[in-house]
Amino acid sequence: MDHLLIELIGATTLFLATHFALSHPLRRSTIAMVGERGFMAVYSLVALVTFGWMIVAFHKARYDALPLWDGTKPVAWALASAITLLGAVLFAGSFAGNPAMPDPRAREHARHRPHGVFNITRHPMMWGFTLLCAAHVLVSPVPRVMIVAGAISFLALAGSALQDHKKRDQLGSAWEKWEERTTFFPRLGQLLRAGPFALLAGLLGWLAITWGHQAAWAIPAGLWRWLG
């Protein structure tokens, strides 16, 4: 195995390990030592350093690996574009009354009936990240992309499952009721219930991000791949 790919695996593993350790088993002991603000400073610094190393290692790990399939075909890009649009809608709608967010009104939000993208899943932001990762693997099925995309997807979904347990402890019956009314896995049949804000904001965000994709990496994505 290429040594640069080994470095990427090491950087990705450290990023995942430190995130989960500080989010769960080490959270209380670290807060006890340095306080809430100190913990956020430590958490942010560790996340920034490990994520930065992962990105640097990702860019260094360029070698002639054969893709698992041909991701350049129009059908792959069309499917990836649809997946990223769905992810953008979920992400955009996740900020409106989300009881999973660190908000003093979280308990109140959890008592409300699901609205918007929460009709699809109670973790729309994390599924948005996961769908974005899936789209990248679809069009670029090479080792370095699969390693980073797999790590971010695992972090998002495993973190969501652990968050359910944490929120149940924090919010009690309010979160339990929220879990009963919502689902972990997306119900795509509820997509039209995402609401006008999420649909419009997601579409506009998707158009902007896919346009920026070409500007940043010289690879046309989304609608711009066919309009260019």
C-alpha atoms as a PDB file:
ATOM      1  CA  MET A   1       0.000   0.000   0.000  1.00  0.00           C
ATOM      2  CA  ASP A   2       1.238   3.494  -0.858  1.00  0.00           C
ATOM      3  CA  HIS A   3       2.751   5.267   2.173  1.00  0.00           C
ATOM      4  CA  LEU A   4       0.700   8.413   1.484  1.00  0.00           C
ATOM      5  CA  LEU A   5      -2.468   6.347   1.622  1.00  0.00           C
ATOM      6  CA  ILE A   6      -1.298   4.898   4.949  1.00  0.00           C
ATOM      7  CA  GLU A   7      -0.801   8.444   6.227  1.00  0.00           C
ATOM      8  CA  LEU A   8      -4.365   9.303   5.133  1.00  0.00           C
ATOM      9  CA  ILE A   9      -5.739   6.268   6.982  1.00  0.00           C
ATOM     10  CA  GLY A  10      -3.811   7.289  10.107  1.00  0.00           C
ATOM     11  CA  ALA A  11      -4.997  10.906   9.931  1.00  0.00           C
ATOM     12  CA  THR A  12      -8.603   9.817   9.356  1.00  0.00           C
ATOM     13  CA  THR A  13      -8.475   7.337  12.229  1.00  0.00           C
ATOM     14  CA  LEU A  14      -7.099   9.976  14.602  1.00  0.00           C
ATOM     15  CA  PHE A  15      -9.790  12.437  13.527  1.00  0.00           C
ATOM     16  CA  LEU A  16     -12.535   9.894  14.256  1.00  0.00           C
ATOM     17  CA  ALA A  17     -11.009   8.619  17.505  1.00  0.00           C
ATOM     18  CA  THR A  18     -10.470  12.050  19.056  1.00  0.00           C
ATOM     19  CA  HIS A  19     -13.917  13.245  18.027  1.00  0.00           C
ATOM     20  CA  PHE A  20     -15.705  10.292  19.589  1.00  0.00           C
ATOM     21  CA  ALA A  21     -13.480  10.299  22.680  1.00  0.00           C
ATOM     22  CA  LEU A  22     -14.059  13.990  23.411  1.00  0.00           C
ATOM     23  CA  SER A  23     -17.743  13.809  22.542  1.00  0.00           C
ATOM     24  CA  HIS A  24     -18.500  10.913  24.863  1.00  0.00           C
ATOM     25  CA  PRO A  25     -16.127   9.091  27.318  1.00  0.00           C
ATOM     26  CA  LEU A  26     -13.765  12.038  27.911  1.00  0.00           C
ATOM     27  CA  ARG A  27     -16.326  14.844  27.803  1.00  0.00           C
ATOM     28  CA  ARG A  28     -17.285  14.981  31.485  1.00  0.00           C
ATOM     29  CA  SER A  29     -13.755  14.528  32.830  1.00  0.00           C
ATOM     30  CA  THR A  30     -12.386  17.206  30.486  1.00  0.00           C
ATOM     31  CA  ILE A  31     -15.128  19.656  31.477  1.00  0.00           C
ATOM     32  CA  ALA A  32     -14.383  18.929  35.144  1.00  0.00           C
ATOM     33  CA  MET A  33     -10.735  19.852  34.575  1.00  0.00           C
ATOM     34  CA  VAL A  34     -11.001  22.911  32.319  1.00  0.00           C
ATOM     35  CA  GLY A  35     -14.651  23.985  32.480  1.00  0.00           C
ATOM     36  CA  GLU A  36     -17.262  24.236  29.713  1.00  0.00           C
ATOM     37  CA  ARG A  37     -15.496  26.999  27.797  1.00  0.00           C
ATOM     38  CA  GLY A  38     -12.133  25.312  28.163  1.00  0.00           C
ATOM     39  CA  PHE A  39     -13.626  22.074  26.885  1.00  0.00           C
ATOM     40  CA  MET A  40     -15.020  23.815  23.791  1.00  0.00           C
ATOM     41  CA  ALA A  41     -11.592  25.354  23.169  1.00  0.00           C
ATOM     42  CA  VAL A  42      -9.842  21.972  23.496  1.00  0.00           C
ATOM     43  CA  TYR A  43     -12.498  20.224  21.414  1.00  0.00           C
ATOM     44  CA  SER A  44     -12.323  22.832  18.643  1.00  0.00           C
ATOM     45  CA  LEU A  45      -8.520  22.844  18.568  1.00  0.00           C
ATOM     46  CA  VAL A  46      -8.237  19.041  18.406  1.00  0.00           C
ATOM     47  CA  ALA A  47     -10.939  18.850  15.729  1.00  0.00           C
ATOM     48  CA  LEU A  48      -9.282  21.581  13.660  1.00  0.00           C
ATOM     49  CA  VAL A  49      -5.812  20.023  13.851  1.00  0.00           C
ATOM     50  CA  THR A  50      -6.911  16.443  13.104  1.00  0.00           C
ATOM     51  CA  PHE A  51      -9.330  17.494  10.358  1.00  0.00           C
ATOM     52  CA  GLY A  52      -6.620  19.699   8.840  1.00  0.00           C
ATOM     53  CA  TRP A  53      -4.149  16.805   8.811  1.00  0.00           C
ATOM     54  CA  MET A  54      -6.765  14.572   7.174  1.00  0.00           C
ATOM     55  CA  ILE A  55      -7.376  17.115   4.407  1.00  0.00           C
ATOM     56  CA  VAL A  56      -3.641  17.645   3.810  1.00  0.00           C
ATOM     57  CA  ALA A  57      -3.106  13.876   3.677  1.00  0.00           C
ATOM     58  CA  PHE A  58      -6.070  13.550   1.304  1.00  0.00           C
ATOM     59  CA  HIS A  59      -4.521  16.001  -1.161  1.00  0.00           C
ATOM     60  CA  LYS A  60      -1.124  14.332  -0.885  1.00  0.00           C
ATOM     61  CA  ALA A  61      -2.534  10.837  -1.542  1.00  0.00           C
ATOM     62  CA  ARG A  62      -2.797  11.267  -5.297  1.00  0.00           C
ATOM     63  CA  TYR A  63      -1.633   8.202  -7.163  1.00  0.00           C
ATOM     64  CA  ASP A  64      -2.785   6.183 -10.137  1.00  0.00           C
ATOM     65  CA  ALA A  65      -5.340   3.924  -8.498  1.00  0.00           C
ATOM     66  CA  LEU A  66      -7.900   2.287 -10.740  1.00  0.00           C
ATOM     67  CA  PRO A  67     -11.471   3.313  -9.804  1.00  0.00           C
ATOM     68  CA  LEU A  68     -13.856   0.518  -8.839  1.00  0.00           C
ATOM     69  CA  TRP A  69     -16.244   1.645 -11.591  1.00  0.00           C
ATOM     70  CA  ASP A  70     -16.488   4.357 -14.208  1.00  0.00           C
ATOM     71  CA  GLY A  71     -17.715   7.401 -12.311  1.00  0.00           C
ATOM     72  CA  THR A  72     -17.432   9.663 -15.349  1.00  0.00           C
ATOM     73  CA  LYS A  73     -20.587   8.340 -17.015  1.00  0.00           C
ATOM     74  CA  PRO A  74     -23.515  10.779 -17.258  1.00  0.00           C
ATOM     75  CA  VAL A  75     -25.799   8.456 -15.303  1.00  0.00           C
ATOM     76  CA  ALA A  76     -23.399   8.490 -12.342  1.00  0.00           C
ATOM     77  CA  TRP A  77     -23.226  12.284 -12.348  1.00  0.00           C
ATOM     78  CA  ALA A  78     -26.996  12.607 -12.729  1.00  0.00           C
ATOM     79  CA  LEU A  79     -27.572  10.333  -9.730  1.00  0.00           C
ATOM     80  CA  ALA A  80     -24.863  12.100  -7.702  1.00  0.00           C
ATOM     81  CA  SER A  81     -26.453  15.463  -8.522  1.00  0.00           C
ATOM     82  CA  ALA A  82     -29.866  14.261  -7.316  1.00  0.00           C
ATOM     83  CA  ILE A  83     -28.319  12.863  -4.124  1.00  0.00           C
ATOM     84  CA  THR A  84     -26.499  16.110  -3.338  1.00  0.00           C
ATOM     85  CA  LEU A  85     -29.667  18.122  -3.973  1.00  0.00           C
ATOM     86  CA  LEU A  86     -31.535  15.969  -1.462  1.00  0.00           C
ATOM     87  CA  GLY A  87     -28.661  16.384   0.990  1.00  0.00           C
ATOM     88  CA  ALA A  88     -28.762  20.165   0.529  1.00  0.00           C
ATOM     89  CA  VAL A  89     -32.507  20.246   1.261  1.00  0.00           C
ATOM     90  CA  LEU A  90     -32.041  18.198   4.433  1.00  0.00           C
ATOM     91  CA  PHE A  91     -29.127  20.353   5.567  1.00  0.00           C
ATOM     92  CA  ALA A  92     -30.911  23.647   4.888  1.00  0.00           C
ATOM     93  CA  GLY A  93     -34.006  22.602   6.812  1.00  0.00           C
ATOM     94  CA  SER A  94     -32.062  21.217   9.782  1.00  0.00           C
ATOM     95  CA  PHE A  95     -31.577  24.648  11.382  1.00  0.00           C
ATOM     96  CA  ALA A  96     -35.288  25.349  11.945  1.00  0.00           C
ATOM     97  CA  GLY A  97     -36.401  24.205  15.411  1.00  0.00           C
ATOM     98  CA  ASN A  98     -33.981  21.291  15.676  1.00  0.00           C
ATOM     99  CA  PRO A  99     -34.018  19.751  19.195  1.00  0.00           C
ATOM    100  CA  ALA A 100     -30.727  17.986  18.472  1.00  0.00           C
ATOM    101  CA  MET A 101     -28.918  21.324  18.278  1.00  0.00           C
ATOM    102  CA  PRO A 102     -27.276  22.852  21.395  1.00  0.00           C
ATOM    103  CA  ASP A 103     -30.151  25.253  22.031  1.00  0.00           C
ATOM    104  CA  PRO A 104     -31.751  26.205  25.371  1.00  0.00           C
ATOM    105  CA  ARG A 105     -35.107  25.725  23.618  1.00  0.00           C
ATOM    106  CA  ALA A 106     -34.267  22.127  22.647  1.00  0.00           C
ATOM    107  CA  ARG A 107     -36.751  20.591  25.094  1.00  0.00           C
ATOM    108  CA  GLU A 108     -39.493  22.856  23.778  1.00  0.00           C
ATOM    109  CA  HIS A 109     -38.639  21.970  20.171  1.00  0.00           C
ATOM    110  CA  ALA A 110     -38.754  18.253  20.990  1.00  0.00           C
ATOM    111  CA  ARG A 111     -42.290  18.601  22.355  1.00  0.00           C
ATOM    112  CA  HIS A 112     -43.585  19.949  19.036  1.00  0.00           C
ATOM    113  CA  ARG A 113     -44.852  17.733  16.266  1.00  0.00           C
ATOM    114  CA  PRO A 114     -42.312  17.112  13.468  1.00  0.00           C
ATOM    115  CA  HIS A 115     -42.210  19.809  10.822  1.00  0.00           C
ATOM    116  CA  GLY A 116     -40.331  20.319   7.572  1.00  0.00           C
ATOM    117  CA  VAL A 117     -37.382  18.023   7.029  1.00  0.00           C
ATOM    118  CA  PHE A 118     -38.023  16.346  10.391  1.00  0.00           C
ATOM    119  CA  ASN A 119     -40.891  14.558   8.666  1.00  0.00           C
ATOM    120  CA  ILE A 120     -38.122  12.797   6.730  1.00  0.00           C
ATOM    121  CA  THR A 121     -35.603  12.112   9.516  1.00  0.00           C
ATOM    122  CA  ARG A 122     -34.776  13.491  12.953  1.00  0.00           C
ATOM    123  CA  HIS A 123     -31.130  13.866  11.913  1.00  0.00           C
ATOM    124  CA  PRO A 124     -31.378  15.833   8.644  1.00  0.00           C
ATOM    125  CA  MET A 125     -28.006  17.569   8.971  1.00  0.00           C
ATOM    126  CA  MET A 126     -26.098  14.327   9.497  1.00  0.00           C
ATOM    127  CA  TRP A 127     -27.895  12.618   6.631  1.00  0.00           C
ATOM    128  CA  GLY A 128     -27.090  15.661   4.483  1.00  0.00           C
ATOM    129  CA  PHE A 129     -23.375  15.072   5.112  1.00  0.00           C
ATOM    130  CA  THR A 130     -23.778  11.343   4.449  1.00  0.00           C
ATOM    131  CA  LEU A 131     -25.530  11.877   1.133  1.00  0.00           C
ATOM    132  CA  LEU A 132     -22.829  14.335   0.057  1.00  0.00           C
ATOM    133  CA  CYS A 133     -20.191  11.697   0.826  1.00  0.00           C
ATOM    134  CA  ALA A 134     -22.130   9.031  -1.090  1.00  0.00           C
ATOM    135  CA  ALA A 135     -22.315  11.289  -4.143  1.00  0.00           C
ATOM    136  CA  HIS A 136     -18.550  11.826  -4.124  1.00  0.00           C
ATOM    137  CA  VAL A 137     -17.865   8.093  -3.940  1.00  0.00           C
ATOM    138  CA  LEU A 138     -20.319   7.500  -6.778  1.00  0.00           C
ATOM    139  CA  VAL A 139     -18.397   9.719  -9.212  1.00  0.00           C
ATOM    140  CA  SER A 140     -14.892   9.171  -7.806  1.00  0.00           C
ATOM    141  CA  PRO A 141     -14.616   5.586  -6.500  1.00  0.00           C
ATOM    142  CA  VAL A 142     -10.906   5.698  -5.637  1.00  0.00           C
ATOM    143  CA  PRO A 143      -9.299   4.794  -2.292  1.00  0.00           C
ATOM    144  CA  ARG A 144      -8.622   8.287  -0.934  1.00  0.00           C
ATOM    145  CA  VAL A 145     -12.189   9.454  -1.619  1.00  0.00           C
ATOM    146  CA  MET A 146     -13.702   6.308  -0.139  1.00  0.00           C
ATOM    147  CA  ILE A 147     -11.551   6.585   3.008  1.00  0.00           C
ATOM    148  CA  VAL A 148     -12.504  10.197   3.782  1.00  0.00           C
ATOM    149  CA  ALA A 149     -16.125   9.875   2.647  1.00  0.00           C
ATOM    150  CA  GLY A 150     -16.518   6.674   4.649  1.00  0.00           C
ATOM    151  CA  ALA A 151     -15.048   8.295   7.748  1.00  0.00           C
ATOM    152  CA  ILE A 152     -17.308  11.356   7.558  1.00  0.00           C
ATOM    153  CA  SER A 153     -20.370   9.185   6.915  1.00  0.00           C
ATOM    154  CA  PHE A 154     -19.510   6.945   9.867  1.00  0.00           C
ATOM    155  CA  LEU A 155     -18.954   9.979  12.070  1.00  0.00           C
ATOM    156  CA  ALA A 156     -22.299  11.460  11.037  1.00  0.00           C
ATOM    157  CA  LEU A 157     -24.426   8.334  11.459  1.00  0.00           C
ATOM    158  CA  ALA A 158     -22.707   6.786  14.487  1.00  0.00           C
ATOM    159  CA  GLY A 159     -22.660  10.230  16.071  1.00  0.00           C
ATOM    160  CA  SER A 160     -26.398  10.558  15.435  1.00  0.00           C
ATOM    161  CA  ALA A 161     -27.091   7.219  17.107  1.00  0.00           C
ATOM    162  CA  LEU A 162     -25.000   8.227  20.130  1.00  0.00           C
ATOM    163  CA  GLN A 163     -26.692  11.607  20.159  1.00  0.00           C
ATOM    164  CA  ASP A 164     -30.056   9.886  20.542  1.00  0.00           C
ATOM    165  CA  HIS A 165     -28.804   8.314  23.784  1.00  0.00           C
ATOM    166  CA  LYS A 166     -27.307  11.591  25.025  1.00  0.00           C
ATOM    167  CA  LYS A 167     -30.436  13.599  24.233  1.00  0.00           C
ATOM    168  CA  ARG A 168     -32.593  10.990  25.936  1.00  0.00           C
ATOM    169  CA  ASP A 169     -30.578  11.569  29.102  1.00  0.00           C
ATOM    170  CA  GLN A 170     -30.681  15.352  28.737  1.00  0.00           C
ATOM    171  CA  LEU A 171     -34.277  15.902  27.635  1.00  0.00           C
ATOM    172  CA  GLY A 172     -35.977  12.819  29.069  1.00  0.00           C
ATOM    173  CA  SER A 173     -39.547  12.182  27.978  1.00  0.00           C
ATOM    174  CA  ALA A 174     -39.518  15.114  25.544  1.00  0.00           C
ATOM    175  CA  TRP A 175     -36.836  13.420  23.433  1.00  0.00           C
ATOM    176  CA  GLU A 176     -38.478  10.012  23.806  1.00  0.00           C
ATOM    177  CA  LYS A 177     -41.684  11.464  22.344  1.00  0.00           C
ATOM    178  CA  TRP A 178     -39.630  13.081  19.580  1.00  0.00           C
ATOM    179  CA  GLU A 179     -38.103   9.709  18.734  1.00  0.00           C
ATOM    180  CA  GLU A 180     -41.565   8.120  18.588  1.00  0.00           C
ATOM    181  CA  ARG A 181     -42.760  10.770  16.136  1.00  0.00           C
ATOM    182  CA  THR A 182     -39.670  10.708  13.904  1.00  0.00           C
ATOM    183  CA  THR A 183     -37.381   8.167  12.260  1.00  0.00           C
ATOM    184  CA  PHE A 184     -33.619   7.706  12.174  1.00  0.00           C
ATOM    185  CA  PHE A 185     -33.495   6.514   8.554  1.00  0.00           C
ATOM    186  CA  PRO A 186     -34.889   8.942   5.946  1.00  0.00           C
ATOM    187  CA  ARG A 187     -38.398   8.417   4.638  1.00  0.00           C
ATOM    188  CA  LEU A 188     -38.011   9.702   1.092  1.00  0.00           C
ATOM    189  CA  GLY A 189     -41.752   9.472   0.525  1.00  0.00           C
ATOM    190  CA  GLN A 190     -42.060  12.465   2.869  1.00  0.00           C
ATOM    191  CA  LEU A 191     -39.748  14.664   0.771  1.00  0.00           C
ATOM    192  CA  LEU A 192     -42.526  17.012  -0.357  1.00  0.00           C
ATOM    193  CA  ARG A 193     -43.259  17.719   3.320  1.00  0.00           C
ATOM    194  CA  ALA A 194     -39.798  19.239   3.722  1.00  0.00           C
ATOM    195  CA  GLY A 195     -41.443  22.644   3.442  1.00  0.00           C
ATOM    196  CA  PRO A 196     -40.942  25.586   1.077  1.00  0.00           C
ATOM    197  CA  PHE A 197     -38.018  27.092   3.024  1.00  0.00           C
ATOM    198  CA  ALA A 198     -35.939  23.896   3.010  1.00  0.00           C
ATOM    199  CA  LEU A 199     -36.766  23.162  -0.630  1.00  0.00           C
ATOM    200  CA  LEU A 200     -35.928  26.673  -1.850  1.00  0.00           C
ATOM    201  CA  ALA A 201     -32.893  27.192   0.403  1.00  0.00           C
ATOM    202  CA  GLY A 202     -31.612  23.712  -0.438  1.00  0.00           C
ATOM    203  CA  LEU A 203     -32.001  24.332  -4.173  1.00  0.00           C
ATOM    204  CA  LEU A 204     -30.249  27.706  -4.023  1.00  0.00           C
ATOM    205  CA  GLY A 205     -27.485  26.300  -1.829  1.00  0.00           C
ATOM    206  CA  TRP A 206     -27.048  23.351  -4.161  1.00  0.00           C
ATOM    207  CA  LEU A 207     -26.786  25.643  -7.206  1.00  0.00           C
ATOM    208  CA  ALA A 208     -24.205  27.818  -5.439  1.00  0.00           C
ATOM    209  CA  ILE A 209     -22.107  24.923  -4.140  1.00  0.00           C
ATOM    210  CA  THR A 210     -22.088  23.018  -7.432  1.00  0.00           C
ATOM    211  CA  TRP A 211     -21.116  26.227  -9.257  1.00  0.00           C
ATOM    212  CA  GLY A 212     -18.309  26.738  -6.744  1.00  0.00           C
ATOM    213  CA  HIS A 213     -17.185  23.158  -7.328  1.00  0.00           C
ATOM    214  CA  GLN A 214     -16.102  24.063 -10.837  1.00  0.00           C
ATOM    215  CA  ALA A 215     -14.479  27.299  -9.702  1.00  0.00           C
ATOM    216  CA  ALA A 216     -12.508  25.558  -6.932  1.00  0.00           C
ATOM    217  CA  TRP A 217     -11.582  22.238  -8.536  1.00  0.00           C
ATOM    218  CA  ALA A 218     -12.228  22.773 -12.260  1.00  0.00           C
ATOM    219  CA  ILE A 219     -14.772  19.947 -12.188  1.00  0.00           C
ATOM    220  CA  PRO A 220     -18.293  20.948 -13.282  1.00  0.00           C
ATOM    221  CA  ALA A 221     -20.954  19.469 -11.015  1.00  0.00           C
ATOM    222  CA  GLY A 222     -24.711  19.464 -10.714  1.00  0.00           C
ATOM    223  CA  LEU A 223     -26.696  21.371 -13.317  1.00  0.00           C
ATOM    224  CA  TRP A 224     -23.570  23.189 -14.476  1.00  0.00           C
ATOM    225  CA  ARG A 225     -22.138  19.936 -15.827  1.00  0.00           C
ATOM    226  CA  TRP A 226     -24.764  19.971 -18.574  1.00  0.00           C
ATOM    227  CA  LEU A 227     -25.100  23.743 -19.031  1.00  0.00           C
ATOM    228  CA  GLY A 228     -21.391  24.434 -19.409  1.00  0.00           C
END
